[in-house]
Amino acid sequence: MHLREVDANLLVTLDALLVDASVTRAAERLGRSSSAISHALAKLREIFADELFVRAGQKLVPTAKARELAPTVHVILAGMESLLRPSKPFDPSLAFRDFSIAASEAGELILLQPLRRRLAQAAPSVNAGWMPSHREETVEALRAGRCHFVIDTEGLTVQAPDIRTAKLVEDRLVTLARPGHPLEKRRPKAAAFAGAEHIEVNSLPALQSIDRALSEDRVSCRVAARVSSVLVGLLLALNSDALLTLPASLAAILERQFGLVRIYQPFAQVGFPLRLFWHSSYDRDECHEWVRGEIGALARDIEAGT
């Protein structure tokens, strides 16, 4: 006999008979008639090729085969009840997960670091690890599970139906300089702003966006230095007259920590959208969904603060 031919209710009956040792009491427990229980017992005897129970007065005494089956039957029914029981609301404080988040240096500073602090409070056993973000590998990394989230600060174009995209925040670009910079208290014209020394951070396409904003004035920023990281750009800006253009959310951190000042931009505000990517296979993963929500909440805090 195949498993698909066995009615699960027969195992429920067997379990009740093992517990109550009586057809009558098993019928009362299950809310069925005694004849229905007797019929089920006959079917069980046929399936297992064993009497299963023998009568001793008013009681049913399990056979050796029935006693052998008892532990397995209990486990099977407990598993079925657990499977069918409504799931408890997700509790992040009890979750144990490790997530890999791909991000540029800016994405790590803006969102990943605050996320780690948030997780430490609400979900101490949920970890967010960083991995480098490579534009050409984004889709495959998500599909293969090498990373669970991608924080996009580069305006990636992803045309894959299985990759989910959510806009987190519309940040904006601001320009920073050392205290006492010649342009600190001025409102420079486009030519003066573009003609100043500018720092270009490789992982941050900020100056390209600024150049597009300046295109009507037919000028573009004079790049004095191309650097590998925000940290190098920060040190250069602190020790020279070079200007550093960054997302406002990141600039706010550096202003507080290092006393940098904002320089007037002689053009319309330039947006800098932050987006989040993940694979659709995690859409209904409760812990993944909760972390997505936390990232979104952080983004809203950032938007409110900038």
C-alpha atoms as a PDB file:
ATOM      1  CA  MET A   1       0.000   0.000   0.000  1.00  0.00           C
ATOM      2  CA  HIS A   2       1.283   3.459  -0.926  1.00  0.00           C
ATOM      3  CA  LEU A   3       1.326   6.458   1.402  1.00  0.00           C
ATOM      4  CA  ARG A   4      -1.103   8.332  -0.837  1.00  0.00           C
ATOM      5  CA  GLU A   5      -3.689   5.594  -0.174  1.00  0.00           C
ATOM      6  CA  VAL A   6      -3.552   6.051   3.614  1.00  0.00           C
ATOM      7  CA  ASP A   7      -6.039   8.419   5.249  1.00  0.00           C
ATOM      8  CA  ALA A   8      -4.255  10.570   7.852  1.00  0.00           C
ATOM      9  CA  ASN A   9      -7.350  10.258  10.046  1.00  0.00           C
ATOM     10  CA  LEU A  10      -6.478   6.596  10.542  1.00  0.00           C
ATOM     11  CA  LEU A  11      -3.294   7.662  12.350  1.00  0.00           C
ATOM     12  CA  VAL A  12      -5.357  10.039  14.502  1.00  0.00           C
ATOM     13  CA  THR A  13      -7.587   7.088  15.431  1.00  0.00           C
ATOM     14  CA  LEU A  14      -4.622   4.865  16.189  1.00  0.00           C
ATOM     15  CA  ASP A  15      -3.118   7.524  18.432  1.00  0.00           C
ATOM     16  CA  ALA A  16      -6.409   7.918  20.340  1.00  0.00           C
ATOM     17  CA  LEU A  17      -6.709   4.155  20.812  1.00  0.00           C
ATOM     18  CA  LEU A  18      -3.133   3.986  22.100  1.00  0.00           C
ATOM     19  CA  VAL A  19      -3.903   6.739  24.608  1.00  0.00           C
ATOM     20  CA  ASP A  20      -7.384   5.645  25.745  1.00  0.00           C
ATOM     21  CA  ALA A  21      -7.209   1.837  25.304  1.00  0.00           C
ATOM     22  CA  SER A  22     -10.936   1.915  24.592  1.00  0.00           C
ATOM     23  CA  VAL A  23     -13.034   2.258  21.458  1.00  0.00           C
ATOM     24  CA  THR A  24     -15.720   4.167  23.385  1.00  0.00           C
ATOM     25  CA  ARG A  25     -13.347   6.678  24.975  1.00  0.00           C
ATOM     26  CA  ALA A  26     -11.438   7.152  21.692  1.00  0.00           C
ATOM     27  CA  ALA A  27     -14.771   7.883  19.982  1.00  0.00           C
ATOM     28  CA  GLU A  28     -15.615  10.474  22.642  1.00  0.00           C
ATOM     29  CA  ARG A  29     -12.165  12.084  22.319  1.00  0.00           C
ATOM     30  CA  LEU A  30     -12.483  12.401  18.552  1.00  0.00           C
ATOM     31  CA  GLY A  31     -16.190  13.244  18.453  1.00  0.00           C
ATOM     32  CA  ARG A  32     -17.017  10.213  16.339  1.00  0.00           C
ATOM     33  CA  SER A  33     -19.242   7.167  16.765  1.00  0.00           C
ATOM     34  CA  SER A  34     -17.949   3.919  18.236  1.00  0.00           C
ATOM     35  CA  SER A  35     -18.791   2.116  15.006  1.00  0.00           C
ATOM     36  CA  ALA A  36     -16.641   4.585  13.030  1.00  0.00           C
ATOM     37  CA  ILE A  37     -13.719   3.922  15.382  1.00  0.00           C
ATOM     38  CA  SER A  38     -14.228   0.163  15.064  1.00  0.00           C
ATOM     39  CA  HIS A  39     -14.287   0.496  11.274  1.00  0.00           C
ATOM     40  CA  ALA A  40     -11.051   2.538  11.353  1.00  0.00           C
ATOM     41  CA  LEU A  41      -9.406  -0.070  13.602  1.00  0.00           C
ATOM     42  CA  ALA A  42     -10.311  -2.773  11.113  1.00  0.00           C
ATOM     43  CA  LYS A  43      -8.674  -0.741   8.339  1.00  0.00           C
ATOM     44  CA  LEU A  44      -5.566  -0.207  10.478  1.00  0.00           C
ATOM     45  CA  ARG A  45      -5.285  -3.950  11.128  1.00  0.00           C
ATOM     46  CA  GLU A  46      -5.398  -4.510   7.390  1.00  0.00           C
ATOM     47  CA  ILE A  47      -2.726  -1.894   6.680  1.00  0.00           C
ATOM     48  CA  PHE A  48      -0.284  -3.103   9.329  1.00  0.00           C
ATOM     49  CA  ALA A  49      -1.157  -6.821   9.019  1.00  0.00           C
ATOM     50  CA  ASP A  50      -1.464  -7.039  12.782  1.00  0.00           C
ATOM     51  CA  GLU A  51      -4.275  -7.132  15.347  1.00  0.00           C
ATOM     52  CA  LEU A  52      -2.793  -4.031  17.000  1.00  0.00           C
ATOM     53  CA  PHE A  53      -5.130  -4.375  20.025  1.00  0.00           C
ATOM     54  CA  VAL A  54      -6.566  -7.385  21.856  1.00  0.00           C
ATOM     55  CA  ARG A  55      -9.443  -7.143  24.283  1.00  0.00           C
ATOM     56  CA  ALA A  56      -8.849  -7.759  28.003  1.00  0.00           C
ATOM     57  CA  GLY A  57     -12.161  -7.173  29.759  1.00  0.00           C
ATOM     58  CA  GLN A  58     -13.233  -3.567  29.082  1.00  0.00           C
ATOM     59  CA  LYS A  59      -9.784  -2.527  27.902  1.00  0.00           C
ATOM     60  CA  LEU A  60      -7.838  -2.827  24.686  1.00  0.00           C
ATOM     61  CA  VAL A  61      -4.272  -4.036  25.166  1.00  0.00           C
ATOM     62  CA  PRO A  62      -1.809  -2.997  22.429  1.00  0.00           C
ATOM     63  CA  THR A  63       0.164  -5.711  20.700  1.00  0.00           C
ATOM     64  CA  ALA A  64       3.932  -5.569  20.368  1.00  0.00           C
ATOM     65  CA  LYS A  65       3.465  -4.078  16.904  1.00  0.00           C
ATOM     66  CA  ALA A  66       1.202  -1.325  18.246  1.00  0.00           C
ATOM     67  CA  ARG A  67       3.679  -0.491  21.001  1.00  0.00           C
ATOM     68  CA  GLU A  68       6.410  -0.318  18.353  1.00  0.00           C
ATOM     69  CA  LEU A  69       4.335   2.067  16.254  1.00  0.00           C
ATOM     70  CA  ALA A  70       3.274   4.340  19.137  1.00  0.00           C
ATOM     71  CA  PRO A  71       6.328   6.681  19.323  1.00  0.00           C
ATOM     72  CA  THR A  72       6.406   7.184  15.546  1.00  0.00           C
ATOM     73  CA  VAL A  73       2.686   7.893  15.373  1.00  0.00           C
ATOM     74  CA  HIS A  74       2.978  10.496  18.144  1.00  0.00           C
ATOM     75  CA  VAL A  75       5.838  12.236  16.332  1.00  0.00           C
ATOM     76  CA  ILE A  76       4.008  12.232  12.993  1.00  0.00           C
ATOM     77  CA  LEU A  77       0.845  13.739  14.463  1.00  0.00           C
ATOM     78  CA  ALA A  78       2.781  16.333  16.455  1.00  0.00           C
ATOM     79  CA  GLY A  79       4.548  17.364  13.254  1.00  0.00           C
ATOM     80  CA  MET A  80       1.257  17.619  11.362  1.00  0.00           C
ATOM     81  CA  GLU A  81      -0.285  19.748  14.105  1.00  0.00           C
ATOM     82  CA  SER A  82       2.750  22.031  14.080  1.00  0.00           C
ATOM     83  CA  LEU A  83       2.549  22.329  10.309  1.00  0.00           C
ATOM     84  CA  LEU A  84      -1.144  23.238  10.334  1.00  0.00           C
ATOM     85  CA  ARG A  85      -1.074  25.466  13.404  1.00  0.00           C
ATOM     86  CA  PRO A  86      -1.197  29.205  12.553  1.00  0.00           C
ATOM     87  CA  SER A  87       2.323  30.587  12.717  1.00  0.00           C
ATOM     88  CA  LYS A  88       3.231  32.969  15.503  1.00  0.00           C
ATOM     89  CA  PRO A  89       3.930  36.601  14.620  1.00  0.00           C
ATOM     90  CA  PHE A  90       7.561  37.082  13.645  1.00  0.00           C
ATOM     91  CA  ASP A  91       9.695  38.090  16.616  1.00  0.00           C
ATOM     92  CA  PRO A  92      13.025  39.625  15.474  1.00  0.00           C
ATOM     93  CA  SER A  93      14.489  39.297  18.961  1.00  0.00           C
ATOM     94  CA  LEU A  94      14.352  35.487  18.588  1.00  0.00           C
ATOM     95  CA  ALA A  95      15.649  35.301  15.010  1.00  0.00           C
ATOM     96  CA  PHE A  96      19.061  33.898  14.051  1.00  0.00           C
ATOM     97  CA  ARG A  97      20.156  34.989  10.555  1.00  0.00           C
ATOM     98  CA  ASP A  98      23.180  36.231   8.666  1.00  0.00           C
ATOM     99  CA  PHE A  99      22.543  38.577   5.740  1.00  0.00           C
ATOM    100  CA  SER A 100      25.091  39.764   3.183  1.00  0.00           C
ATOM    101  CA  ILE A 101      24.531  43.285   1.907  1.00  0.00           C
ATOM    102  CA  ALA A 102      26.379  44.556  -1.153  1.00  0.00           C
ATOM    103  CA  ALA A 103      27.023  48.278  -1.084  1.00  0.00           C
ATOM    104  CA  SER A 104      29.461  50.943  -2.141  1.00  0.00           C
ATOM    105  CA  GLU A 105      31.378  52.813   0.528  1.00  0.00           C
ATOM    106  CA  ALA A 106      28.708  55.529   0.515  1.00  0.00           C
ATOM    107  CA  GLY A 107      25.913  52.985   0.867  1.00  0.00           C
ATOM    108  CA  GLU A 108      27.733  51.327   3.739  1.00  0.00           C
ATOM    109  CA  LEU A 109      28.166  54.620   5.605  1.00  0.00           C
ATOM    110  CA  ILE A 110      24.669  55.933   4.901  1.00  0.00           C
ATOM    111  CA  LEU A 111      22.587  52.821   5.575  1.00  0.00           C
ATOM    112  CA  LEU A 112      24.538  49.715   6.540  1.00  0.00           C
ATOM    113  CA  GLN A 113      26.249  51.093   9.621  1.00  0.00           C
ATOM    114  CA  PRO A 114      23.017  52.569  11.059  1.00  0.00           C
ATOM    115  CA  LEU A 115      21.273  49.276  10.230  1.00  0.00           C
ATOM    116  CA  ARG A 116      23.809  47.348  12.296  1.00  0.00           C
ATOM    117  CA  ARG A 117      23.151  49.586  15.275  1.00  0.00           C
ATOM    118  CA  ARG A 118      19.413  49.114  14.814  1.00  0.00           C
ATOM    119  CA  LEU A 119      19.739  45.328  14.605  1.00  0.00           C
ATOM    120  CA  ALA A 120      21.891  45.206  17.725  1.00  0.00           C
ATOM    121  CA  GLN A 121      18.970  46.657  19.672  1.00  0.00           C
ATOM    122  CA  ALA A 122      15.999  44.851  18.130  1.00  0.00           C
ATOM    123  CA  ALA A 123      17.487  41.613  16.783  1.00  0.00           C
ATOM    124  CA  PRO A 124      20.881  40.860  18.364  1.00  0.00           C
ATOM    125  CA  SER A 125      21.263  37.544  16.516  1.00  0.00           C
ATOM    126  CA  VAL A 126      20.486  38.976  13.073  1.00  0.00           C
ATOM    127  CA  ASN A 127      23.737  40.065  11.421  1.00  0.00           C
ATOM    128  CA  ALA A 128      24.308  42.321   8.420  1.00  0.00           C
ATOM    129  CA  GLY A 129      27.641  41.673   6.720  1.00  0.00           C
ATOM    130  CA  TRP A 130      29.102  43.912   4.025  1.00  0.00           C
ATOM    131  CA  MET A 131      30.385  42.777   0.654  1.00  0.00           C
ATOM    132  CA  PRO A 132      31.614  44.912  -2.250  1.00  0.00           C
ATOM    133  CA  SER A 133      29.076  45.917  -4.857  1.00  0.00           C
ATOM    134  CA  HIS A 134      30.033  45.118  -8.445  1.00  0.00           C
ATOM    135  CA  ARG A 135      27.628  46.593 -10.978  1.00  0.00           C
ATOM    136  CA  GLU A 136      28.060  43.769 -13.492  1.00  0.00           C
ATOM    137  CA  GLU A 137      27.496  41.023 -10.903  1.00  0.00           C
ATOM    138  CA  THR A 138      24.448  42.419  -9.104  1.00  0.00           C
ATOM    139  CA  VAL A 139      21.772  40.176 -10.641  1.00  0.00           C
ATOM    140  CA  GLU A 140      23.743  36.932 -10.459  1.00  0.00           C
ATOM    141  CA  ALA A 141      24.888  37.613  -6.897  1.00  0.00           C
ATOM    142  CA  LEU A 142      21.263  38.029  -5.823  1.00  0.00           C
ATOM    143  CA  ARG A 143      20.081  34.982  -7.759  1.00  0.00           C
ATOM    144  CA  ALA A 144      22.861  32.782  -6.390  1.00  0.00           C
ATOM    145  CA  GLY A 145      22.277  33.943  -2.824  1.00  0.00           C
ATOM    146  CA  ARG A 146      25.788  35.365  -2.485  1.00  0.00           C
ATOM    147  CA  CYS A 147      24.142  38.537  -1.252  1.00  0.00           C
ATOM    148  CA  HIS A 148      20.651  39.152   0.107  1.00  0.00           C
ATOM    149  CA  PHE A 149      20.394  42.893  -0.515  1.00  0.00           C
ATOM    150  CA  VAL A 150      22.085  45.437  -2.763  1.00  0.00           C
ATOM    151  CA  ILE A 151      22.109  49.100  -1.745  1.00  0.00           C
ATOM    152  CA  ASP A 152      22.343  51.027  -4.995  1.00  0.00           C
ATOM    153  CA  THR A 153      23.972  54.460  -5.010  1.00  0.00           C
ATOM    154  CA  GLU A 154      25.026  54.355  -8.665  1.00  0.00           C
ATOM    155  CA  GLY A 155      21.710  54.408 -10.528  1.00  0.00           C
ATOM    156  CA  LEU A 156      21.942  50.791 -11.719  1.00  0.00           C
ATOM    157  CA  THR A 157      19.567  49.666 -14.445  1.00  0.00           C
ATOM    158  CA  VAL A 158      18.271  46.184 -13.651  1.00  0.00           C
ATOM    159  CA  GLN A 159      15.836  44.641 -16.127  1.00  0.00           C
ATOM    160  CA  ALA A 160      15.204  41.238 -14.600  1.00  0.00           C
ATOM    161  CA  PRO A 161      11.669  40.188 -13.565  1.00  0.00           C
ATOM    162  CA  ASP A 162      12.929  38.168 -10.598  1.00  0.00           C
ATOM    163  CA  ILE A 163      14.818  41.118  -9.047  1.00  0.00           C
ATOM    164  CA  ARG A 164      12.790  43.402  -6.820  1.00  0.00           C
ATOM    165  CA  THR A 165      13.570  47.127  -6.632  1.00  0.00           C
ATOM    166  CA  ALA A 166      12.463  49.626  -4.009  1.00  0.00           C
ATOM    167  CA  LYS A 167      13.327  53.302  -3.951  1.00  0.00           C
ATOM    168  CA  LEU A 168      14.485  54.104  -0.433  1.00  0.00           C
ATOM    169  CA  VAL A 169      15.046  57.840  -0.441  1.00  0.00           C
ATOM    170  CA  GLU A 170      15.556  60.747  -2.818  1.00  0.00           C
ATOM    171  CA  ASP A 171      18.742  62.161  -1.352  1.00  0.00           C
ATOM    172  CA  ARG A 172      20.441  65.222  -2.811  1.00  0.00           C
ATOM    173  CA  LEU A 173      24.004  66.201  -3.527  1.00  0.00           C
ATOM    174  CA  VAL A 174      25.774  68.826  -1.452  1.00  0.00           C
ATOM    175  CA  THR A 175      29.289  70.204  -1.717  1.00  0.00           C
ATOM    176  CA  LEU A 176      31.633  70.355   1.270  1.00  0.00           C
ATOM    177  CA  ALA A 177      34.868  72.206   1.974  1.00  0.00           C
ATOM    178  CA  ARG A 178      37.241  72.860   4.835  1.00  0.00           C
ATOM    179  CA  PRO A 179      36.336  75.656   7.266  1.00  0.00           C
ATOM    180  CA  GLY A 180      37.585  78.994   5.974  1.00  0.00           C
ATOM    181  CA  HIS A 181      37.454  77.943   2.308  1.00  0.00           C
ATOM    182  CA  PRO A 182      37.454  80.974  -0.074  1.00  0.00           C
ATOM    183  CA  LEU A 183      33.935  80.057  -1.266  1.00  0.00           C
ATOM    184  CA  GLU A 184      32.479  79.442   2.206  1.00  0.00           C
ATOM    185  CA  LYS A 185      30.659  82.756   2.557  1.00  0.00           C
ATOM    186  CA  ARG A 186      30.140  83.505  -1.115  1.00  0.00           C
ATOM    187  CA  ARG A 187      27.463  82.584  -3.632  1.00  0.00           C
ATOM    188  CA  PRO A 188      29.709  81.653  -6.546  1.00  0.00           C
ATOM    189  CA  LYS A 189      28.508  81.797 -10.127  1.00  0.00           C
ATOM    190  CA  ALA A 190      28.558  78.598 -12.174  1.00  0.00           C
ATOM    191  CA  ALA A 191      31.962  79.357 -13.720  1.00  0.00           C
ATOM    192  CA  ALA A 192      33.563  80.044 -10.332  1.00  0.00           C
ATOM    193  CA  PHE A 193      32.053  76.916  -8.781  1.00  0.00           C
ATOM    194  CA  ALA A 194      33.081  74.688 -11.683  1.00  0.00           C
ATOM    195  CA  GLY A 195      36.534  76.265 -11.883  1.00  0.00           C
ATOM    196  CA  ALA A 196      37.372  75.470  -8.267  1.00  0.00           C
ATOM    197  CA  GLU A 197      39.276  72.266  -7.524  1.00  0.00           C
ATOM    198  CA  HIS A 198      36.975  69.258  -7.196  1.00  0.00           C
ATOM    199  CA  ILE A 199      37.568  65.778  -5.816  1.00  0.00           C
ATOM    200  CA  GLU A 200      36.057  62.834  -7.695  1.00  0.00           C
ATOM    201  CA  VAL A 201      35.405  59.666  -5.672  1.00  0.00           C
ATOM    202  CA  ASN A 202      35.545  56.601  -7.945  1.00  0.00           C
ATOM    203  CA  SER A 203      32.619  54.780  -6.317  1.00  0.00           C
ATOM    204  CA  LEU A 204      30.375  57.838  -6.298  1.00  0.00           C
ATOM    205  CA  PRO A 205      29.066  59.295  -9.580  1.00  0.00           C
ATOM    206  CA  ALA A 206      28.416  62.691  -7.996  1.00  0.00           C
ATOM    207  CA  LEU A 207      30.451  64.988 -10.244  1.00  0.00           C
ATOM    208  CA  GLN A 208      28.870  63.533 -13.381  1.00  0.00           C
ATOM    209  CA  SER A 209      25.465  64.568 -12.024  1.00  0.00           C
ATOM    210  CA  ILE A 210      26.784  68.026 -11.133  1.00  0.00           C
ATOM    211  CA  ASP A 211      28.212  68.434 -14.638  1.00  0.00           C
ATOM    212  CA  ARG A 212      24.802  67.667 -16.122  1.00  0.00           C
ATOM    213  CA  ALA A 213      23.301  70.366 -13.911  1.00  0.00           C
ATOM    214  CA  LEU A 214      25.967  72.802 -15.124  1.00  0.00           C
ATOM    215  CA  SER A 215      25.548  71.913 -18.801  1.00  0.00           C
ATOM    216  CA  GLU A 216      23.298  74.891 -19.506  1.00  0.00           C
ATOM    217  CA  ASP A 217      26.142  77.169 -18.403  1.00  0.00           C
ATOM    218  CA  ARG A 218      28.506  75.259 -20.693  1.00  0.00           C
ATOM    219  CA  VAL A 219      30.954  74.543 -17.895  1.00  0.00           C
ATOM    220  CA  SER A 220      32.011  71.395 -16.073  1.00  0.00           C
ATOM    221  CA  CYS A 221      33.818  70.780 -12.822  1.00  0.00           C
ATOM    222  CA  ARG A 222      37.592  70.876 -12.845  1.00  0.00           C
ATOM    223  CA  VAL A 223      38.705  67.591 -11.335  1.00  0.00           C
ATOM    224  CA  ALA A 224      41.858  68.149  -9.310  1.00  0.00           C
ATOM    225  CA  ALA A 225      42.032  64.629  -7.889  1.00  0.00           C
ATOM    226  CA  ARG A 226      40.407  61.257  -8.481  1.00  0.00           C
ATOM    227  CA  VAL A 227      40.447  59.176  -5.323  1.00  0.00           C
ATOM    228  CA  SER A 228      39.527  55.634  -4.381  1.00  0.00           C
ATOM    229  CA  SER A 229      37.340  56.330  -1.378  1.00  0.00           C
ATOM    230  CA  VAL A 230      35.320  58.879   0.553  1.00  0.00           C
ATOM    231  CA  LEU A 231      37.927  58.723   3.329  1.00  0.00           C
ATOM    232  CA  VAL A 232      40.732  59.781   0.996  1.00  0.00           C
ATOM    233  CA  GLY A 233      38.514  62.529  -0.423  1.00  0.00           C
ATOM    234  CA  LEU A 234      37.694  63.721   3.085  1.00  0.00           C
ATOM    235  CA  LEU A 235      41.360  63.970   4.085  1.00  0.00           C
ATOM    236  CA  LEU A 236      42.164  65.829   0.880  1.00  0.00           C
ATOM    237  CA  ALA A 237      39.288  68.289   1.385  1.00  0.00           C
ATOM    238  CA  LEU A 238      40.357  68.968   4.973  1.00  0.00           C
ATOM    239  CA  ASN A 239      43.901  69.765   3.915  1.00  0.00           C
ATOM    240  CA  SER A 240      43.382  71.734   0.699  1.00  0.00           C
ATOM    241  CA  ASP A 241      40.943  73.997  -1.116  1.00  0.00           C
ATOM    242  CA  ALA A 242      39.444  71.077  -3.046  1.00  0.00           C
ATOM    243  CA  LEU A 243      35.672  70.608  -2.903  1.00  0.00           C
ATOM    244  CA  LEU A 244      34.018  67.278  -2.095  1.00  0.00           C
ATOM    245  CA  THR A 245      30.496  66.578  -3.374  1.00  0.00           C
ATOM    246  CA  LEU A 246      28.525  63.887  -1.529  1.00  0.00           C
ATOM    247  CA  PRO A 247      24.940  62.777  -0.784  1.00  0.00           C
ATOM    248  CA  ALA A 248      23.467  65.044   1.885  1.00  0.00           C
ATOM    249  CA  SER A 249      22.885  62.109   4.258  1.00  0.00           C
ATOM    250  CA  LEU A 250      26.590  61.254   4.189  1.00  0.00           C
ATOM    251  CA  ALA A 251      27.662  64.899   4.210  1.00  0.00           C
ATOM    252  CA  ALA A 252      25.696  65.456   7.421  1.00  0.00           C
ATOM    253  CA  ILE A 253      27.780  62.770   9.154  1.00  0.00           C
ATOM    254  CA  LEU A 254      31.078  64.291   7.994  1.00  0.00           C
ATOM    255  CA  GLU A 255      29.984  67.818   8.924  1.00  0.00           C
ATOM    256  CA  ARG A 256      29.308  66.758  12.476  1.00  0.00           C
ATOM    257  CA  GLN A 257      32.474  64.734  12.840  1.00  0.00           C
ATOM    258  CA  PHE A 258      34.979  66.946  11.040  1.00  0.00           C
ATOM    259  CA  GLY A 259      33.512  70.463  10.996  1.00  0.00           C
ATOM    260  CA  LEU A 260      33.250  70.704   7.208  1.00  0.00           C
ATOM    261  CA  VAL A 261      31.118  73.490   5.715  1.00  0.00           C
ATOM    262  CA  ARG A 262      28.673  73.516   2.824  1.00  0.00           C
ATOM    263  CA  ILE A 263      29.392  75.471  -0.318  1.00  0.00           C
ATOM    264  CA  TYR A 264      26.604  77.168  -2.255  1.00  0.00           C
ATOM    265  CA  GLN A 265      25.685  75.357  -5.482  1.00  0.00           C
ATOM    266  CA  PRO A 266      24.710  77.737  -8.346  1.00  0.00           C
ATOM    267  CA  PHE A 267      22.246  75.330  -9.969  1.00  0.00           C
ATOM    268  CA  ALA A 268      18.989  73.510  -9.229  1.00  0.00           C
ATOM    269  CA  GLN A 269      19.133  70.837  -6.558  1.00  0.00           C
ATOM    270  CA  VAL A 270      20.508  67.538  -7.876  1.00  0.00           C
ATOM    271  CA  GLY A 271      18.743  64.384  -6.702  1.00  0.00           C
ATOM    272  CA  PHE A 272      20.610  61.303  -5.597  1.00  0.00           C
ATOM    273  CA  PRO A 273      18.235  58.317  -5.277  1.00  0.00           C
ATOM    274  CA  LEU A 274      19.115  55.376  -3.033  1.00  0.00           C
ATOM    275  CA  ARG A 275      17.503  52.068  -3.987  1.00  0.00           C
ATOM    276  CA  LEU A 276      17.357  48.570  -2.588  1.00  0.00           C
ATOM    277  CA  PHE A 277      17.488  45.351  -4.636  1.00  0.00           C
ATOM    278  CA  TRP A 278      16.671  41.811  -3.543  1.00  0.00           C
ATOM    279  CA  HIS A 279      15.650  38.541  -5.166  1.00  0.00           C
ATOM    280  CA  SER A 280      11.968  37.636  -5.382  1.00  0.00           C
ATOM    281  CA  SER A 281      12.596  34.268  -3.696  1.00  0.00           C
ATOM    282  CA  TYR A 282      12.825  36.196  -0.407  1.00  0.00           C
ATOM    283  CA  ASP A 283       9.531  38.052  -0.821  1.00  0.00           C
ATOM    284  CA  ARG A 284       7.764  35.947   1.820  1.00  0.00           C
ATOM    285  CA  ASP A 285      10.759  35.307   4.059  1.00  0.00           C
ATOM    286  CA  GLU A 286       9.634  36.903   7.329  1.00  0.00           C
ATOM    287  CA  CYS A 287      13.090  37.824   8.586  1.00  0.00           C
ATOM    288  CA  HIS A 288      14.187  39.181   5.204  1.00  0.00           C
ATOM    289  CA  GLU A 289      10.958  41.177   4.982  1.00  0.00           C
ATOM    290  CA  TRP A 290      11.506  42.586   8.471  1.00  0.00           C
ATOM    291  CA  VAL A 291      15.067  43.687   7.609  1.00  0.00           C
ATOM    292  CA  ARG A 292      13.737  45.332   4.437  1.00  0.00           C
ATOM    293  CA  GLY A 293      11.319  47.234   6.624  1.00  0.00           C
ATOM    294  CA  GLU A 294      14.110  48.352   8.934  1.00  0.00           C
ATOM    295  CA  ILE A 295      16.166  49.596   5.975  1.00  0.00           C
ATOM    296  CA  GLY A 296      13.116  51.494   4.725  1.00  0.00           C
ATOM    297  CA  ALA A 297      12.558  53.051   8.151  1.00  0.00           C
ATOM    298  CA  LEU A 298      16.188  54.181   8.256  1.00  0.00           C
ATOM    299  CA  ALA A 299      15.804  55.729   4.820  1.00  0.00           C
ATOM    300  CA  ARG A 300      12.744  57.676   5.975  1.00  0.00           C
ATOM    301  CA  ASP A 301      14.687  58.946   9.001  1.00  0.00           C
ATOM    302  CA  ILE A 302      17.469  60.064   6.676  1.00  0.00           C
ATOM    303  CA  GLU A 303      15.025  61.843   4.371  1.00  0.00           C
ATOM    304  CA  ALA A 304      13.455  63.637   7.314  1.00  0.00           C
ATOM    305  CA  GLY A 305      16.877  64.717   8.594  1.00  0.00           C
ATOM    306  CA  THR A 306      18.253  66.026   5.335  1.00  0.00           C
END
